[in-house]
């Protein structure tokens, strides 16, 4: 049994590559800022908790 990538690559066209590249850029445009916002919120939350008196 061949790996799926070996059976898929012969049918992979330039048009499919362009569509996949656009999809990848779109996901990156959403995921990267979201992950940065979450990281900033986590760090800010830790700083707020650290400043509270015990």
Protein backbone atom coordinates (compact mmCIF):
# COMPACT_ATOMS: atom_id res chain seq x y z
CA UNK A 1 0.00 0.00 0.00
CA UNK A 2 1.45 3.34 -1.11
CA UNK A 3 1.32 6.44 1.05
CA UNK A 4 -1.54 8.78 0.09
CA UNK A 5 0.82 11.56 -0.93
CA UNK A 6 2.41 9.40 -3.63
CA UNK A 7 -0.96 8.68 -5.22
CA UNK A 8 -2.15 12.29 -4.92
CA UNK A 9 0.87 14.17 -6.27
CA UNK A 10 0.53 13.10 -9.92
CA UNK A 11 -2.94 14.72 -10.04
CA UNK A 12 -1.87 17.87 -8.17
CA UNK A 13 -2.14 20.83 -10.53
CA UNK A 14 -0.95 24.41 -10.42
CA UNK A 15 -4.55 25.56 -9.88
CA UNK A 16 -4.88 23.30 -6.84
CA UNK A 17 -1.60 24.64 -5.49
CA UNK A 18 -2.81 28.24 -5.85
CA UNK A 19 -6.07 27.39 -4.06
CA UNK A 20 -4.16 25.65 -1.25
CA UNK A 21 -1.76 28.58 -0.93
CA UNK A 22 -4.64 31.05 -0.66
CA UNK A 23 -6.30 28.86 1.97
CA UNK A 24 -3.04 28.66 3.93
CA UNK A 25 -2.56 32.43 3.89
CA UNK A 26 -6.18 32.94 4.96
CA UNK A 27 -5.79 30.58 7.91
CA UNK A 28 -2.53 32.25 8.89
CA UNK A 29 -4.14 35.70 8.78
CA UNK A 30 -6.74 34.54 11.29
CA UNK A 31 -4.75 32.12 13.46
CA UNK A 32 -1.60 34.19 14.07
CA UNK A 33 -3.27 37.35 15.40
CA UNK A 34 -5.68 35.22 17.43
CA UNK A 35 -2.86 33.27 19.04
CA UNK A 36 -0.98 36.49 19.80
CA UNK A 37 -4.10 38.00 21.38
CA UNK A 38 -4.58 34.92 23.54
CA UNK A 39 -0.93 34.97 24.60
CA UNK A 40 -1.13 38.67 25.50
CA UNK A 41 -4.33 38.09 27.47
CA UNK A 42 -2.73 35.23 29.39
CA UNK A 43 0.36 37.28 30.21
CA UNK A 44 -1.76 40.28 31.20
CA UNK A 45 -3.90 38.06 33.41
CA UNK A 46 -0.82 36.72 35.17
CA UNK A 47 0.48 40.23 35.72
CA UNK A 48 -2.82 41.36 37.20
CA UNK A 49 -2.90 38.38 39.53
CA UNK A 50 0.71 38.94 40.55
CA UNK A 51 0.01 42.56 41.59
CA UNK A 52 -2.81 41.66 43.97
CA UNK A 53 -1.81 41.52 47.64
CA UNK A 54 -1.96 38.10 49.26
